[in-house]
Amino acid sequence: NQVRAICGLPLGDTRRVAPRVVMENVIGPAAATAHEALSNPSAHLHLYGKTEAPEGRKMGHITRLEWPEGDVSS
């Protein structure tokens, strides 16, 4: 929305889509096991396209939507 405001464009919707959103970093060689986190259908993988994965380097992140247990939205 910041770019939209600067350009004089209409602002986008800012309502929450879930009660909780979690972001987990994908670090170094662990990027190869990121598929485990994607077993949750509300998880989305964002890789940064880096070619080398040394220990401790941030390779991307995973965002996941969460709802309270028993919530019909989940």
Protein backbone atom coordinates (compact mmCIF):
# COMPACT_ATOMS: atom_id res chain seq x y z
CA ASN A 1 0.00 0.00 0.00
CA GLN A 2 2.93 2.37 0.53
CA VAL A 3 3.78 2.38 -3.19
CA ARG A 4 0.10 2.77 -4.07
CA ALA A 5 -0.19 5.80 -1.76
CA ILE A 6 2.97 7.41 -3.19
CA CYS A 7 1.68 6.89 -6.74
CA GLY A 8 -1.77 8.26 -5.92
CA LEU A 9 -3.45 4.90 -6.58
CA PRO A 10 -6.37 3.52 -4.56
CA LEU A 11 -5.22 1.66 -1.46
CA GLY A 12 -5.69 -2.10 -1.25
CA ASP A 13 -7.65 -4.06 1.32
CA THR A 14 -5.83 -4.31 4.67
CA ARG A 15 -8.24 -6.62 6.51
CA ARG A 16 -6.77 -9.72 8.15
CA VAL A 17 -7.27 -12.98 6.32
CA ALA A 18 -6.53 -15.11 9.41
CA PRO A 19 -6.29 -14.46 13.16
CA ARG A 20 -2.59 -15.31 13.11
CA VAL A 21 0.14 -15.28 10.45
CA VAL A 22 3.49 -16.97 11.16
CA MET A 23 6.73 -16.40 9.24
CA GLU A 24 9.62 -18.87 9.52
CA ASN A 25 13.04 -18.25 7.99
CA VAL A 26 14.58 -20.91 5.75
CA ILE A 27 18.26 -20.92 6.74
CA GLY A 28 21.23 -22.51 4.93
CA PRO A 29 21.11 -26.24 4.15
CA ALA A 30 17.72 -26.46 5.89
CA ALA A 31 16.25 -25.06 2.66
CA ALA A 32 16.33 -28.60 1.29
CA THR A 33 13.87 -29.72 3.99
CA ALA A 34 11.48 -26.78 3.60
CA HIS A 35 8.97 -29.13 1.93
CA GLU A 36 8.11 -30.54 5.38
CA ALA A 37 6.72 -27.18 6.47
CA LEU A 38 4.60 -27.08 3.33
CA SER A 39 2.50 -30.06 4.45
CA ASN A 40 0.17 -27.39 5.86
CA PRO A 41 -2.11 -26.23 2.99
CA SER A 42 -2.05 -22.63 4.27
CA ALA A 43 1.77 -22.46 4.06
CA HIS A 44 3.54 -20.61 1.24
CA LEU A 45 7.24 -20.90 0.41
CA HIS A 46 9.16 -17.80 -0.70
CA LEU A 47 12.67 -18.62 -1.97
CA TYR A 48 15.13 -15.83 -2.77
CA GLY A 49 16.87 -17.57 -5.70
CA LYS A 50 20.29 -17.77 -4.08
CA THR A 51 22.61 -20.33 -5.66
CA GLU A 52 24.66 -21.29 -2.58
CA ALA A 53 23.34 -22.32 0.84
CA PRO A 54 26.16 -21.95 3.38
CA GLU A 55 25.40 -22.53 7.06
CA GLY A 56 23.44 -19.59 8.48
CA ARG A 57 22.47 -17.93 5.18
CA LYS A 58 18.81 -16.95 4.80
CA MET A 59 17.56 -18.69 1.67
CA GLY A 60 13.91 -17.70 1.95
CA HIS A 61 10.94 -17.85 4.28
CA ILE A 62 7.65 -19.66 4.80
CA THR A 63 4.43 -17.88 5.72
CA ARG A 64 1.57 -19.81 7.28
CA LEU A 65 -1.98 -18.78 8.21
CA GLU A 66 -3.31 -20.13 11.52
CA TRP A 67 -6.75 -20.27 13.12
CA PRO A 68 -7.69 -21.24 16.69
CA GLU A 69 -8.61 -24.90 17.18
CA GLY A 70 -12.28 -25.51 16.51
CA ASP A 71 -12.63 -22.41 14.31
CA VAL A 72 -14.72 -23.28 11.24
CA SER A 73 -12.41 -21.14 9.05
CA SER A 74 -9.47 -23.57 9.41
